[in-house]
Amino acid sequence: MTEYIIVVALVAVAAIAVYQLFGQVVRSQTAAMAKELAGEDGSEESRMAQTAAEAAAAQTAAKTLKSFTGNSGAQ
């Protein structure tokens, strides 16, 4: 039972980390889809999603075990 609790905790921590990195991307993509479905132009939200995705990819590439707390700029 203890092992399952540890695994669930690790999955939760990993999910939080992924959401922190890609949360803005998901929000921007959802906003773009909602605008397009409403008949409006969602190209600005699409560009925001692309910019957020590029920033998240750069952050992911810069992270190491030394900077896993979110301080990727303080290496």
Protein backbone atom coordinates (compact mmCIF):
# COMPACT_ATOMS: atom_id res chain seq x y z
CA MET A 1 0.00 0.00 0.00
CA THR A 2 2.84 2.38 0.81
CA GLU A 3 4.39 1.84 -2.60
CA TYR A 4 1.13 2.79 -4.31
CA ILE A 5 0.92 5.98 -2.26
CA ILE A 6 4.47 6.88 -3.27
CA VAL A 7 3.75 6.17 -6.94
CA VAL A 8 0.57 8.27 -6.83
CA ALA A 9 2.48 11.12 -5.17
CA LEU A 10 5.20 10.98 -7.83
CA VAL A 11 2.64 11.01 -10.62
CA ALA A 12 0.91 14.00 -9.00
CA VAL A 13 4.19 15.91 -8.72
CA ALA A 14 5.03 15.12 -12.34
CA ALA A 15 1.57 16.25 -13.47
CA ILE A 16 1.95 19.53 -11.59
CA ALA A 17 5.35 20.12 -13.20
CA VAL A 18 4.03 19.41 -16.69
CA TYR A 19 1.04 21.68 -16.14
CA GLN A 20 3.33 24.47 -14.94
CA LEU A 21 5.45 24.17 -18.06
CA PHE A 22 2.64 23.73 -20.56
CA GLY A 23 -0.34 25.31 -18.76
CA GLN A 24 -0.21 28.54 -20.74
CA VAL A 25 -0.05 26.57 -23.97
CA VAL A 26 -3.19 24.63 -23.06
CA ARG A 27 -5.05 27.78 -22.00
CA SER A 28 -4.10 29.63 -25.20
CA GLN A 29 -5.07 26.71 -27.43
CA THR A 30 -8.41 26.36 -25.66
CA ALA A 31 -9.07 30.10 -26.05
CA ALA A 32 -8.22 29.93 -29.76
CA MET A 33 -10.58 26.99 -30.29
CA ALA A 34 -13.37 28.71 -28.36
CA LYS A 35 -13.01 31.88 -30.45
CA GLU A 36 -12.98 29.92 -33.70
CA LEU A 37 -16.10 28.01 -32.66
CA ALA A 38 -17.78 31.31 -31.83
CA GLY A 39 -17.04 32.54 -35.34
CA GLU A 40 -14.32 34.98 -34.32
CA ASP A 41 -10.66 35.14 -35.30
CA GLY A 42 -8.52 33.07 -32.93
CA SER A 43 -5.20 33.67 -34.66
CA GLU A 44 -3.85 35.87 -31.83
CA GLU A 45 -4.50 33.14 -29.27
CA SER A 46 -2.89 30.64 -31.64
CA ARG A 47 0.23 32.81 -31.81
CA MET A 48 0.21 33.11 -28.01
CA ALA A 49 0.03 29.31 -27.74
CA GLN A 50 2.96 28.92 -30.14
CA THR A 51 5.02 31.48 -28.20
CA ALA A 52 4.22 29.74 -24.90
CA ALA A 53 5.12 26.36 -26.40
CA GLU A 54 8.48 27.68 -27.59
CA ALA A 55 9.19 29.22 -24.18
CA ALA A 56 8.26 25.95 -22.45
CA ALA A 57 10.53 23.99 -24.78
CA ALA A 58 13.41 26.35 -24.01
CA GLN A 59 12.78 25.99 -20.27
CA THR A 60 12.67 22.22 -20.55
CA ALA A 61 15.97 22.15 -22.43
CA ALA A 62 17.59 24.35 -19.78
CA LYS A 63 16.50 22.30 -16.76
CA THR A 64 18.85 19.93 -15.01
CA LEU A 65 18.81 18.25 -11.64
CA LYS A 66 20.45 21.39 -10.23
CA SER A 67 17.58 23.59 -11.38
CA PHE A 68 14.52 21.39 -10.91
CA THR A 69 12.92 23.83 -8.45
CA GLY A 70 11.99 26.20 -11.27
CA ASN A 71 15.08 28.40 -11.22
CA SER A 72 16.28 27.49 -14.70
CA GLY A 73 17.85 30.94 -15.16
CA ALA A 74 20.01 30.62 -12.01
CA GLN A 75 22.52 28.06 -13.20
